[in-house]
C-alpha atoms as a PDB file:
ATOM      1  CA  UNK A   1     -37.727 103.739-157.040  1.00  0.00           C
ATOM      2  CA  UNK A   2     -39.458 104.338-153.699  1.00  0.00           C
ATOM      3  CA  UNK A   3     -37.005 104.821-150.808  1.00  0.00           C
ATOM      4  CA  UNK A   4     -39.285 103.974-147.906  1.00  0.00           C
ATOM      5  CA  UNK A   5     -42.379 102.067-146.850  1.00  0.00           C
ATOM      6  CA  UNK A   6     -44.477 104.852-148.375  1.00  0.00           C
ATOM      7  CA  UNK A   7     -43.930 103.243-151.771  1.00  0.00           C
ATOM      8  CA  UNK A   8     -45.752 100.057-150.735  1.00  0.00           C
ATOM      9  CA  UNK A   9     -48.599 102.032-149.150  1.00  0.00           C
ATOM     10  CA  UNK A  10     -49.003 104.161-152.278  1.00  0.00           C
ATOM     11  CA  UNK A  11     -49.179 101.044-154.445  1.00  0.00           C
ATOM     12  CA  UNK A  12     -51.853  99.407-152.310  1.00  0.00           C
ATOM     13  CA  UNK A  13     -53.932 102.580-152.165  1.00  0.00           C
ATOM     14  CA  UNK A  14     -53.801 103.278-155.888  1.00  0.00           C
ATOM     15  CA  UNK A  15     -55.803 101.637-158.677  1.00  0.00           C
ATOM     16  CA  UNK A  16     -53.534  99.144-160.490  1.00  0.00           C
ATOM     17  CA  UNK A  17     -52.334 100.412-163.834  1.00  0.00           C
ATOM     18  CA  UNK A  18     -50.233  98.849-166.545  1.00  0.00           C
ATOM     19  CA  UNK A  19     -46.632  99.943-165.893  1.00  0.00           C
ATOM     20  CA  UNK A  20     -44.904 101.825-168.692  1.00  0.00           C
ATOM     21  CA  UNK A  21     -41.915  99.512-168.478  1.00  0.00           C
ATOM     22  CA  UNK A  22     -41.267  95.999-167.257  1.00  0.00           C
ATOM     23  CA  UNK A  23     -39.156  95.687-164.136  1.00  0.00           C
ATOM     24  CA  UNK A  24     -37.853  92.198-164.714  1.00  0.00           C
ATOM     25  CA  UNK A  25     -34.921  90.741-162.800  1.00  0.00           C
ATOM     26  CA  UNK A  26     -31.844  92.952-162.988  1.00  0.00           C
ATOM     27  CA  UNK A  27     -28.552  91.582-161.672  1.00  0.00           C
ATOM     28  CA  UNK A  28     -27.182  95.121-161.299  1.00  0.00           C
ATOM     29  CA  UNK A  29     -30.083  96.192-159.089  1.00  0.00           C
ATOM     30  CA  UNK A  30     -28.823  97.141-155.613  1.00  0.00           C
ATOM     31  CA  UNK A  31     -31.872  96.163-153.612  1.00  0.00           C
ATOM     32  CA  UNK A  32     -30.248  97.029-150.302  1.00  0.00           C
ATOM     33  CA  UNK A  33     -30.315 100.750-151.085  1.00  0.00           C
ATOM     34  CA  UNK A  34     -34.102 100.756-151.088  1.00  0.00           C
ATOM     35  CA  UNK A  35     -34.115  99.885-147.389  1.00  0.00           C
ATOM     36  CA  UNK A  36     -36.902  97.324-147.787  1.00  0.00           C
ATOM     37  CA  UNK A  37     -37.533  93.879-149.226  1.00  0.00           C
ATOM     38  CA  UNK A  38     -40.697  92.042-150.248  1.00  0.00           C
ATOM     39  CA  UNK A  39     -41.186  88.340-149.504  1.00  0.00           C
ATOM     40  CA  UNK A  40     -43.956  85.900-150.394  1.00  0.00           C
ATOM     41  CA  UNK A  41     -45.163  83.644-147.571  1.00  0.00           C
ATOM     42  CA  UNK A  42     -46.193  80.742-149.822  1.00  0.00           C
ATOM     43  CA  UNK A  43     -46.004  79.539-153.409  1.00  0.00           C
ATOM     44  CA  UNK A  44     -49.688  79.331-154.332  1.00  0.00           C
ATOM     45  CA  UNK A  45     -50.532  81.243-157.545  1.00  0.00           C
ATOM     46  CA  UNK A  46     -52.707  83.922-155.906  1.00  0.00           C
ATOM     47  CA  UNK A  47     -49.975  84.906-153.463  1.00  0.00           C
ATOM     48  CA  UNK A  48     -47.052  84.793-155.890  1.00  0.00           C
ATOM     49  CA  UNK A  49     -49.024  86.741-158.504  1.00  0.00           C
ATOM     50  CA  UNK A  50     -49.786  89.529-156.020  1.00  0.00           C
ATOM     51  CA  UNK A  51     -46.189  89.590-154.779  1.00  0.00           C
ATOM     52  CA  UNK A  52     -44.822  89.742-158.336  1.00  0.00           C
ATOM     53  CA  UNK A  53     -47.166  92.587-159.287  1.00  0.00           C
ATOM     54  CA  UNK A  54     -46.080  94.592-156.247  1.00  0.00           C
ATOM     55  CA  UNK A  55     -42.359  94.060-156.834  1.00  0.00           C
ATOM     56  CA  UNK A  56     -42.668  94.811-160.555  1.00  0.00           C
ATOM     57  CA  UNK A  57     -44.532  98.020-159.795  1.00  0.00           C
ATOM     58  CA  UNK A  58     -41.896  99.078-157.249  1.00  0.00           C
ATOM     59  CA  UNK A  59     -38.939  97.988-159.336  1.00  0.00           C
ATOM     60  CA  UNK A  60     -37.419  95.620-156.781  1.00  0.00           C
ATOM     61  CA  UNK A  61     -36.641  91.923-156.832  1.00  0.00           C
ATOM     62  CA  UNK A  62     -38.792  89.508-154.847  1.00  0.00           C
ATOM     63  CA  UNK A  63     -36.972  88.270-151.749  1.00  0.00           C
ATOM     64  CA  UNK A  64     -35.453  84.810-151.901  1.00  0.00           C
ATOM     65  CA  UNK A  65     -37.005  82.314-149.520  1.00  0.00           C
ATOM     66  CA  UNK A  66     -38.256  78.742-149.421  1.00  0.00           C
ATOM     67  CA  UNK A  67     -41.516  77.732-147.735  1.00  0.00           C
ATOM     68  CA  UNK A  68     -42.402  74.057-147.650  1.00  0.00           C
ATOM     69  CA  UNK A  69     -44.253  71.401-145.693  1.00  0.00           C
ATOM     70  CA  UNK A  70     -42.178  68.487-144.444  1.00  0.00           C
ATOM     71  CA  UNK A  71     -43.106  64.819-144.336  1.00  0.00           C
ATOM     72  CA  UNK A  72     -44.509  65.392-140.853  1.00  0.00           C
ATOM     73  CA  UNK A  73     -46.650  68.236-142.277  1.00  0.00           C
ATOM     74  CA  UNK A  74     -44.756  70.890-140.303  1.00  0.00           C
ATOM     75  CA  UNK A  75     -44.188  74.263-141.971  1.00  0.00           C
ATOM     76  CA  UNK A  76     -40.557  75.159-142.626  1.00  0.00           C
ATOM     77  CA  UNK A  77     -39.213  78.506-143.856  1.00  0.00           C
ATOM     78  CA  UNK A  78     -35.701  79.277-145.066  1.00  0.00           C
ATOM     79  CA  UNK A  79     -34.665  82.872-145.820  1.00  0.00           C
ATOM     80  CA  UNK A  80     -32.028  82.747-148.555  1.00  0.00           C
ATOM     81  CA  UNK A  81     -30.541  86.251-148.239  1.00  0.00           C
ATOM     82  CA  UNK A  82     -29.514  88.820-145.659  1.00  0.00           C
ATOM     83  CA  UNK A  83     -32.279  91.074-144.336  1.00  0.00           C
ATOM     84  CA  UNK A  84     -30.289  92.694-141.548  1.00  0.00           C
ATOM     85  CA  UNK A  85     -31.461  96.228-140.784  1.00  0.00           C
ATOM     86  CA  UNK A  86     -34.107  96.291-143.538  1.00  0.00           C
ATOM     87  CA  UNK A  87     -37.876  96.811-143.526  1.00  0.00           C
ATOM     88  CA  UNK A  88     -39.514  93.583-144.684  1.00  0.00           C
ATOM     89  CA  UNK A  89     -42.959  93.202-146.254  1.00  0.00           C
ATOM     90  CA  UNK A  90     -44.507  89.719-146.165  1.00  0.00           C
ATOM     91  CA  UNK A  91     -47.268  89.101-148.717  1.00  0.00           C
ATOM     92  CA  UNK A  92     -49.724  86.463-147.507  1.00  0.00           C
ATOM     93  CA  UNK A  93     -53.053  85.584-149.074  1.00  0.00           C
ATOM     94  CA  UNK A  94     -55.380  83.239-147.194  1.00  0.00           C
ATOM     95  CA  UNK A  95     -56.353  80.083-149.038  1.00  0.00           C
ATOM     96  CA  UNK A  96     -58.768  77.292-148.119  1.00  0.00           C
ATOM     97  CA  UNK A  97     -56.358  75.881-145.503  1.00  0.00           C
ATOM     98  CA  UNK A  98     -56.468  78.923-143.224  1.00  0.00           C
ATOM     99  CA  UNK A  99     -54.430  77.465-140.381  1.00  0.00           C
ATOM    100  CA  UNK A 100     -51.529  76.498-142.657  1.00  0.00           C
ATOM    101  CA  UNK A 101     -51.491  80.021-144.098  1.00  0.00           C
ATOM    102  CA  UNK A 102     -51.305  81.457-140.578  1.00  0.00           C
ATOM    103  CA  UNK A 103     -48.389  79.190-139.657  1.00  0.00           C
ATOM    104  CA  UNK A 104     -46.546  80.159-142.849  1.00  0.00           C
ATOM    105  CA  UNK A 105     -46.901  83.816-141.901  1.00  0.00           C
ATOM    106  CA  UNK A 106     -45.856  83.264-138.283  1.00  0.00           C
ATOM    107  CA  UNK A 107     -42.838  81.098-139.101  1.00  0.00           C
ATOM    108  CA  UNK A 108     -41.625  83.439-141.845  1.00  0.00           C
ATOM    109  CA  UNK A 109     -42.022  86.490-139.597  1.00  0.00           C
ATOM    110  CA  UNK A 110     -40.066  84.784-136.831  1.00  0.00           C
ATOM    111  CA  UNK A 111     -37.339  83.696-139.271  1.00  0.00           C
ATOM    112  CA  UNK A 112     -36.983  87.297-140.453  1.00  0.00           C
ATOM    113  CA  UNK A 113     -36.997  88.571-136.873  1.00  0.00           C
ATOM    114  CA  UNK A 114     -34.170  86.246-135.868  1.00  0.00           C
ATOM    115  CA  UNK A 115     -32.324  87.344-139.032  1.00  0.00           C
ATOM    116  CA  UNK A 116     -32.246  90.887-137.580  1.00  0.00           C
ATOM    117  CA  UNK A 117     -34.798  92.560-139.856  1.00  0.00           C
ATOM    118  CA  UNK A 118     -35.552  96.114-138.716  1.00  0.00           C
ATOM    119  CA  UNK A 119     -39.342  96.079-139.188  1.00  0.00           C
ATOM    120  CA  UNK A 120     -41.650  93.313-140.408  1.00  0.00           C
ATOM    121  CA  UNK A 121     -44.888  94.374-142.101  1.00  0.00           C
ATOM    122  CA  UNK A 122     -47.534  91.813-143.019  1.00  0.00           C
ATOM    123  CA  UNK A 123     -49.622  92.508-146.131  1.00  0.00           C
ATOM    124  CA  UNK A 124     -52.736  90.380-145.505  1.00  0.00           C
ATOM    125  CA  UNK A 125     -55.643  91.376-147.806  1.00  0.00           C
ATOM    126  CA  UNK A 126     -58.081  89.150-145.898  1.00  0.00           C
ATOM    127  CA  UNK A 127     -57.420  88.890-142.166  1.00  0.00           C
ATOM    128  CA  UNK A 128     -58.378  85.400-140.936  1.00  0.00           C
ATOM    129  CA  UNK A 129     -60.541  84.798-137.871  1.00  0.00           C
ATOM    130  CA  UNK A 130     -61.780  88.397-138.022  1.00  0.00           C
ATOM    131  CA  UNK A 131     -65.363  87.163-137.607  1.00  0.00           C
ATOM    132  CA  UNK A 132     -64.418  85.654-134.248  1.00  0.00           C
ATOM    133  CA  UNK A 133     -63.943  89.058-132.657  1.00  0.00           C
ATOM    134  CA  UNK A 134     -66.632  88.795-129.973  1.00  0.00           C
ATOM    135  CA  UNK A 135     -67.031  86.532-126.964  1.00  0.00           C
ATOM    136  CA  UNK A 136     -69.897  84.066-127.362  1.00  0.00           C
ATOM    137  CA  UNK A 137     -70.941  81.877-124.429  1.00  0.00           C
ATOM    138  CA  UNK A 138     -67.889  79.861-123.353  1.00  0.00           C
ATOM    139  CA  UNK A 139     -65.959  80.532-126.546  1.00  0.00           C
ATOM    140  CA  UNK A 140     -62.958  82.772-127.053  1.00  0.00           C
ATOM    141  CA  UNK A 141     -61.987  85.887-129.002  1.00  0.00           C
ATOM    142  CA  UNK A 142     -59.749  84.116-131.490  1.00  0.00           C
ATOM    143  CA  UNK A 143     -59.005  87.292-133.445  1.00  0.00           C
ATOM    144  CA  UNK A 144     -57.354  88.788-130.346  1.00  0.00           C
ATOM    145  CA  UNK A 145     -55.307  85.614-129.916  1.00  0.00           C
ATOM    146  CA  UNK A 146     -54.094  85.819-133.519  1.00  0.00           C
ATOM    147  CA  UNK A 147     -53.131  89.474-133.056  1.00  0.00           C
ATOM    148  CA  UNK A 148     -50.997  88.493-130.051  1.00  0.00           C
ATOM    149  CA  UNK A 149     -49.386  85.631-131.989  1.00  0.00           C
ATOM    150  CA  UNK A 150     -48.431  87.935-134.865  1.00  0.00           C
ATOM    151  CA  UNK A 151     -46.811  90.393-132.466  1.00  0.00           C
ATOM    152  CA  UNK A 152     -44.943  87.596-130.696  1.00  0.00           C
ATOM    153  CA  UNK A 153     -43.662  86.263-134.027  1.00  0.00           C
ATOM    154  CA  UNK A 154     -42.122  89.647-134.786  1.00  0.00           C
ATOM    155  CA  UNK A 155     -44.579  91.592-136.933  1.00  0.00           C
ATOM    156  CA  UNK A 156     -44.501  95.332-136.268  1.00  0.00           C
ATOM    157  CA  UNK A 157     -47.245  96.496-138.662  1.00  0.00           C
ATOM    158  CA  UNK A 158     -49.944  94.960-140.853  1.00  0.00           C
ATOM    159  CA  UNK A 159     -51.808  96.157-143.928  1.00  0.00           C
ATOM    160  CA  UNK A 160     -55.194  94.549-144.509  1.00  0.00           C
ATOM    161  CA  UNK A 161     -58.530  95.341-146.150  1.00  0.00           C
ATOM    162  CA  UNK A 162     -62.091  95.692-144.874  1.00  0.00           C
ATOM    163  CA  UNK A 163     -61.795  94.129-141.438  1.00  0.00           C
ATOM    164  CA  UNK A 164     -65.025  92.501-140.290  1.00  0.00           C
ATOM    165  CA  UNK A 165     -65.208  95.125-137.526  1.00  0.00           C
ATOM    166  CA  UNK A 166     -63.006  98.220-137.467  1.00  0.00           C
ATOM    167  CA  UNK A 167     -62.661  97.829-133.688  1.00  0.00           C
ATOM    168  CA  UNK A 168     -60.412  94.826-134.368  1.00  0.00           C
ATOM    169  CA  UNK A 169     -57.574  97.305-134.867  1.00  0.00           C
ATOM    170  CA  UNK A 170     -57.604  97.771-131.098  1.00  0.00           C
ATOM    171  CA  UNK A 171     -56.535  94.135-130.610  1.00  0.00           C
ATOM    172  CA  UNK A 172     -53.055  94.938-131.875  1.00  0.00           C
ATOM    173  CA  UNK A 173     -50.215  96.625-130.023  1.00  0.00           C
ATOM    174  CA  UNK A 174     -48.717  97.839-133.304  1.00  0.00           C
ATOM    175  CA  UNK A 175     -50.079  99.944-136.220  1.00  0.00           C
ATOM    176  CA  UNK A 176     -52.772  98.491-138.492  1.00  0.00           C
ATOM    177  CA  UNK A 177     -53.729  99.950-141.884  1.00  0.00           C
ATOM    178  CA  UNK A 178     -57.314  98.869-142.607  1.00  0.00           C
ATOM    179  CA  UNK A 179     -57.800  99.826-146.256  1.00  0.00           C
ATOM    180  CA  UNK A 180     -61.210 100.027-147.935  1.00  0.00           C
ATOM    181  CA  UNK A 181     -62.051  98.346-151.232  1.00  0.00           C
ATOM    182  CA  UNK A 182     -65.290 100.274-151.842  1.00  0.00           C
ATOM    183  CA  UNK A 183     -63.698 103.213-153.752  1.00  0.00           C
ATOM    184  CA  UNK A 184     -62.192 100.782-156.280  1.00  0.00           C
ATOM    185  CA  UNK A 185     -65.436  98.810-156.560  1.00  0.00           C
ATOM    186  CA  UNK A 186     -67.377 102.004-157.227  1.00  0.00           C
ATOM    187  CA  UNK A 187     -64.876 103.111-159.840  1.00  0.00           C
ATOM    188  CA  UNK A 188     -65.046  99.705-161.536  1.00  0.00           C
ATOM    189  CA  UNK A 189     -68.859  99.792-161.601  1.00  0.00           C
ATOM    190  CA  UNK A 190     -68.889 103.300-163.092  1.00  0.00           C
ATOM    191  CA  UNK A 191     -66.325 102.438-165.761  1.00  0.00           C
ATOM    192  CA  UNK A 192     -67.284  98.870-166.689  1.00  0.00           C
ATOM    193  CA  UNK A 193     -71.086  98.660-166.268  1.00  0.00           C
ATOM    194  CA  UNK A 194     -72.831 100.808-168.925  1.00  0.00           C
ATOM    195  CA  UNK A 195     -76.221 101.065-167.191  1.00  0.00           C
ATOM    196  CA  UNK A 196     -74.899 101.196-163.632  1.00  0.00           C
ATOM    197  CA  UNK A 197     -77.397 103.878-162.536  1.00  0.00           C
ATOM    198  CA  UNK A 198     -80.193 101.314-162.799  1.00  0.00           C
ATOM    199  CA  UNK A 199     -78.225  98.637-160.953  1.00  0.00           C
ATOM    200  CA  UNK A 200     -79.029  97.477-157.426  1.00  0.00           C
ATOM    201  CA  UNK A 201     -76.286  96.800-154.884  1.00  0.00           C
ATOM    202  CA  UNK A 202     -77.194  94.450-152.040  1.00  0.00           C
ATOM    203  CA  UNK A 203     -75.435  93.478-148.814  1.00  0.00           C
ATOM    204  CA  UNK A 204     -75.321  89.953-147.433  1.00  0.00           C
ATOM    205  CA  UNK A 205     -75.824  91.148-143.848  1.00  0.00           C
ATOM    206  CA  UNK A 206     -77.007  94.247-141.923  1.00  0.00           C
ATOM    207  CA  UNK A 207     -73.427  94.961-140.863  1.00  0.00           C
ATOM    208  CA  UNK A 208     -72.233  94.921-144.473  1.00  0.00           C
ATOM    209  CA  UNK A 209     -75.029  97.332-145.475  1.00  0.00           C
ATOM    210  CA  UNK A 210     -73.272 100.127-143.558  1.00  0.00           C
ATOM    211  CA  UNK A 211     -70.386  99.991-145.989  1.00  0.00           C
END
């Protein structure tokens, strides 16, 4: 079992493989010894599936928490176990309701911060508002605002993929791991498309063509 945050990073950087054994729930598992916990910021299938795959691969139990929307449509988060002194990873995928997903992440991070977590790392495959990273007319740089909000809520590190502009990493006052998906896409094309040498790969914009 990985003893540090390096285990999470190694999982995200490696091509998913079928584990040799199933790491289902084990009542005798002392999760505290690992020094980290993994939480899911919402209960939509895409997010819970990713969180379950990560915890199964690492051999740890998914953190116990409740995220719900009240009658007044406010986001509420309840952490159901002690996280004192531990490194916490929050898995958050962005669904159609982007703003709700952001609030879930912020409220959960703040709940973990006030519960005395040591470090809070957000695992956000798609970083929202990343396209609003430049000032246009009388608009605002919303991506910079979101970076400040995440820091204020208590996040100390984020792991994301293919930011719209790599310069966005400079908006944060904490470390950002901007992983690339292209190596896995290339490997998939080579392994799954028989006549890939005659295929044509196109980009939807000039900026994407650089990748």
